[in-house]
Amino acid sequence: MRIRLLRSTTLMIAATTIAFSQSSDHVISTDVLQLLSKVSQNYENAKSYHFEVVQERTIHDDLSRNWEKVILTAAEAPGGRYHYEGHSGEGSALRIADGTTVWAYHLDEHRYTKLEKCVA
C-alpha cells in the first residue's frame, strides 16, 4: 500500500510540475523543485495518510445534460487499520479494518459484514 501511495504522490507532483510549467511562460525555479522534493520525501516517510477527493463532471450536448459527483475517501494507519469509502449516483461502498478484522458496510441495509481477519 505504501508503494502505491508513493507512486500516486510522485505522479501527482510530477503532473502538477508539468502542468505548471506548460501553463506559464516562467521557468520553474530551483526553489520550487526543492520544495516539491521535500514534500515528496515527507510522503515517502509517512506512517499514515488521509485523502479525500470530490470529483464533479457535467456532460452535455444539444438535447441532454448529465451531472454526476463522486466522493472518495482513503485513510490508512499503522497496525493494519484503514478506511476506504466511495459514494456516487451509482452506489456506495465502505470497507474498514481495525487491525484485526475487515468490515464492509452496506449502506442500503445499514449493516456491517465481517469479511476476513487482517494480516498486519
C-alpha atoms as a PDB file:
ATOM      1  CA  MET A   1       0.000   0.000   0.000  1.00  0.00           C
ATOM      2  CA  ARG A   2       2.810   2.430   0.853  1.00  0.00           C
ATOM      3  CA  ILE A   3       4.451   1.883  -2.548  1.00  0.00           C
ATOM      4  CA  ARG A   4       1.146   2.585  -4.310  1.00  0.00           C
ATOM      5  CA  LEU A   5       0.718   5.764  -2.226  1.00  0.00           C
ATOM      6  CA  LEU A   6       4.274   6.871  -3.005  1.00  0.00           C
ATOM      7  CA  ARG A   7       3.768   6.278  -6.721  1.00  0.00           C
ATOM      8  CA  SER A   8       0.479   8.190  -6.656  1.00  0.00           C
ATOM      9  CA  THR A   9       2.047  11.085  -4.778  1.00  0.00           C
ATOM     10  CA  THR A  10       5.051  11.174  -7.095  1.00  0.00           C
ATOM     11  CA  LEU A  11       2.791  11.132 -10.153  1.00  0.00           C
ATOM     12  CA  MET A  12       0.651  13.890  -8.652  1.00  0.00           C
ATOM     13  CA  ILE A  13       3.721  16.052  -8.012  1.00  0.00           C
ATOM     14  CA  ALA A  14       5.098  15.365 -11.487  1.00  0.00           C
ATOM     15  CA  ALA A  15       1.755  16.176 -13.129  1.00  0.00           C
ATOM     16  CA  THR A  16       1.492  19.396 -11.137  1.00  0.00           C
ATOM     17  CA  THR A  17       5.018  20.364 -12.130  1.00  0.00           C
ATOM     18  CA  ILE A  18       4.370  19.652 -15.819  1.00  0.00           C
ATOM     19  CA  ALA A  19       1.017  21.456 -15.789  1.00  0.00           C
ATOM     20  CA  PHE A  20       2.553  24.473 -14.063  1.00  0.00           C
ATOM     21  CA  SER A  21       5.467  24.623 -16.453  1.00  0.00           C
ATOM     22  CA  GLN A  22       3.221  24.289 -19.520  1.00  0.00           C
ATOM     23  CA  SER A  23       0.627  26.804 -18.361  1.00  0.00           C
ATOM     24  CA  SER A  24       3.151  29.507 -17.636  1.00  0.00           C
ATOM     25  CA  ASP A  25       5.873  31.202 -19.615  1.00  0.00           C
ATOM     26  CA  HIS A  26       8.019  31.209 -16.484  1.00  0.00           C
ATOM     27  CA  VAL A  27      10.658  28.574 -15.901  1.00  0.00           C
ATOM     28  CA  ILE A  28      10.225  26.627 -12.652  1.00  0.00           C
ATOM     29  CA  SER A  29      12.810  27.882 -10.208  1.00  0.00           C
ATOM     30  CA  THR A  30      15.099  25.574  -8.256  1.00  0.00           C
ATOM     31  CA  ASP A  31      13.293  26.728  -5.081  1.00  0.00           C
ATOM     32  CA  VAL A  32      10.043  25.202  -6.327  1.00  0.00           C
ATOM     33  CA  LEU A  33      11.765  21.954  -7.306  1.00  0.00           C
ATOM     34  CA  GLN A  34      13.419  21.775  -3.875  1.00  0.00           C
ATOM     35  CA  LEU A  35      10.048  22.323  -2.214  1.00  0.00           C
ATOM     36  CA  LEU A  36       8.460  19.548  -4.302  1.00  0.00           C
ATOM     37  CA  SER A  37      11.362  17.257  -3.401  1.00  0.00           C
ATOM     38  CA  LYS A  38      10.849  17.940   0.336  1.00  0.00           C
ATOM     39  CA  VAL A  39       7.112  17.274   0.052  1.00  0.00           C
ATOM     40  CA  SER A  40       7.804  14.026  -1.799  1.00  0.00           C
ATOM     41  CA  GLN A  41      10.226  12.874   0.933  1.00  0.00           C
ATOM     42  CA  ASN A  42       7.661  13.734   3.593  1.00  0.00           C
ATOM     43  CA  TYR A  43       5.055  11.487   1.964  1.00  0.00           C
ATOM     44  CA  GLU A  44       7.611   8.728   1.392  1.00  0.00           C
ATOM     45  CA  ASN A  45       8.236   8.509   5.148  1.00  0.00           C
ATOM     46  CA  ALA A  46       4.575   8.827   6.152  1.00  0.00           C
ATOM     47  CA  LYS A  47       3.242   6.260   8.609  1.00  0.00           C
ATOM     48  CA  SER A  48      -0.359   7.169   7.869  1.00  0.00           C
ATOM     49  CA  TYR A  49      -2.403   9.158   5.371  1.00  0.00           C
ATOM     50  CA  HIS A  50      -5.883  10.545   4.773  1.00  0.00           C
ATOM     51  CA  PHE A  51      -7.062  11.640   1.332  1.00  0.00           C
ATOM     52  CA  GLU A  52     -10.457  12.922   0.283  1.00  0.00           C
ATOM     53  CA  VAL A  53     -11.384  13.521  -3.346  1.00  0.00           C
ATOM     54  CA  VAL A  54     -14.541  15.119  -4.727  1.00  0.00           C
ATOM     55  CA  GLN A  55     -14.987  14.925  -8.473  1.00  0.00           C
ATOM     56  CA  GLU A  56     -17.837  16.557 -10.363  1.00  0.00           C
ATOM     57  CA  ARG A  57     -18.462  16.133 -14.050  1.00  0.00           C
ATOM     58  CA  THR A  58     -21.039  17.549 -16.429  1.00  0.00           C
ATOM     59  CA  ILE A  59     -21.595  16.034 -19.846  1.00  0.00           C
ATOM     60  CA  HIS A  60     -23.996  17.728 -22.227  1.00  0.00           C
ATOM     61  CA  ASP A  61     -24.966  18.128 -25.835  1.00  0.00           C
ATOM     62  CA  ASP A  62     -27.805  19.871 -27.668  1.00  0.00           C
ATOM     63  CA  LEU A  63     -30.514  17.557 -26.296  1.00  0.00           C
ATOM     64  CA  SER A  64     -29.288  16.328 -22.931  1.00  0.00           C
ATOM     65  CA  ARG A  65     -27.334  17.224 -19.825  1.00  0.00           C
ATOM     66  CA  ASN A  66     -25.848  14.874 -17.212  1.00  0.00           C
ATOM     67  CA  TRP A  67     -24.198  15.877 -13.936  1.00  0.00           C
ATOM     68  CA  GLU A  68     -22.500  13.452 -11.575  1.00  0.00           C
ATOM     69  CA  LYS A  69     -20.454  13.670  -8.413  1.00  0.00           C
ATOM     70  CA  VAL A  70     -18.093  11.100  -6.888  1.00  0.00           C
ATOM     71  CA  ILE A  71     -16.714  11.299  -3.341  1.00  0.00           C
ATOM     72  CA  LEU A  72     -13.756   9.085  -2.385  1.00  0.00           C
ATOM     73  CA  THR A  73     -12.014   8.757   0.980  1.00  0.00           C
ATOM     74  CA  ALA A  74      -8.917   6.708   1.775  1.00  0.00           C
ATOM     75  CA  ALA A  75      -7.137   6.610   5.118  1.00  0.00           C
ATOM     76  CA  GLU A  76      -4.561   4.199   6.470  1.00  0.00           C
ATOM     77  CA  ALA A  77      -2.763   3.994   9.810  1.00  0.00           C
ATOM     78  CA  PRO A  78      -0.179   1.690  11.368  1.00  0.00           C
ATOM     79  CA  GLY A  79      -1.301  -1.683  12.651  1.00  0.00           C
ATOM     80  CA  GLY A  80      -3.364  -2.694   9.631  1.00  0.00           C
ATOM     81  CA  ARG A  81      -6.053  -0.053  10.231  1.00  0.00           C
ATOM     82  CA  TYR A  82      -7.708   1.547   7.203  1.00  0.00           C
ATOM     83  CA  HIS A  83     -10.887   3.159   5.906  1.00  0.00           C
ATOM     84  CA  TYR A  84     -11.859   3.219   2.236  1.00  0.00           C
ATOM     85  CA  GLU A  85     -15.131   4.813   1.182  1.00  0.00           C
ATOM     86  CA  GLY A  86     -16.752   5.782  -2.096  1.00  0.00           C
ATOM     87  CA  HIS A  87     -20.092   7.399  -2.986  1.00  0.00           C
ATOM     88  CA  SER A  88     -21.635   8.146  -6.362  1.00  0.00           C
ATOM     89  CA  GLY A  89     -25.026   8.172  -8.020  1.00  0.00           C
ATOM     90  CA  GLU A  90     -24.491   4.518  -8.897  1.00  0.00           C
ATOM     91  CA  GLY A  91     -23.909   3.347  -5.326  1.00  0.00           C
ATOM     92  CA  SER A  92     -21.691   3.466  -2.295  1.00  0.00           C
ATOM     93  CA  ALA A  93     -19.049   1.240  -0.746  1.00  0.00           C
ATOM     94  CA  LEU A  94     -17.259   1.278   2.586  1.00  0.00           C
ATOM     95  CA  ARG A  95     -14.512  -1.007   3.896  1.00  0.00           C
ATOM     96  CA  ILE A  96     -12.942  -0.609   7.330  1.00  0.00           C
ATOM     97  CA  ALA A  97     -10.212  -2.568   9.111  1.00  0.00           C
ATOM     98  CA  ASP A  98      -9.465  -2.190  12.806  1.00  0.00           C
ATOM     99  CA  GLY A  99      -6.189  -4.103  12.685  1.00  0.00           C
ATOM    100  CA  THR A 100      -7.754  -7.468  13.429  1.00  0.00           C
ATOM    101  CA  THR A 101     -10.879  -7.660  11.266  1.00  0.00           C
ATOM    102  CA  VAL A 102     -12.030  -6.225   7.932  1.00  0.00           C
ATOM    103  CA  TRP A 103     -15.625  -4.999   7.747  1.00  0.00           C
ATOM    104  CA  ALA A 104     -17.825  -3.911   4.839  1.00  0.00           C
ATOM    105  CA  TYR A 105     -20.694  -1.524   5.493  1.00  0.00           C
ATOM    106  CA  HIS A 106     -23.822  -1.962   3.394  1.00  0.00           C
ATOM    107  CA  LEU A 107     -25.368   1.498   3.317  1.00  0.00           C
ATOM    108  CA  ASP A 108     -28.770   0.494   1.977  1.00  0.00           C
ATOM    109  CA  GLU A 109     -29.255  -2.186   4.668  1.00  0.00           C
ATOM    110  CA  HIS A 110     -27.489  -0.232   7.443  1.00  0.00           C
ATOM    111  CA  ARG A 111     -25.404  -3.264   8.446  1.00  0.00           C
ATOM    112  CA  TYR A 112     -21.798  -4.345   8.686  1.00  0.00           C
ATOM    113  CA  THR A 113     -20.466  -7.662   7.370  1.00  0.00           C
ATOM    114  CA  LYS A 114     -17.314  -9.233   8.740  1.00  0.00           C
ATOM    115  CA  LEU A 115     -15.118 -10.119   5.765  1.00  0.00           C
ATOM    116  CA  GLU A 116     -11.801 -11.522   6.975  1.00  0.00           C
ATOM    117  CA  LYS A 117      -9.038 -11.209   9.502  1.00  0.00           C
ATOM    118  CA  CYS A 118      -6.358  -8.603   8.909  1.00  0.00           C
ATOM    119  CA  VAL A 119      -2.784  -9.588   8.310  1.00  0.00           C
ATOM    120  CA  ALA A 120      -0.726  -6.814   9.889  1.00  0.00           C
END
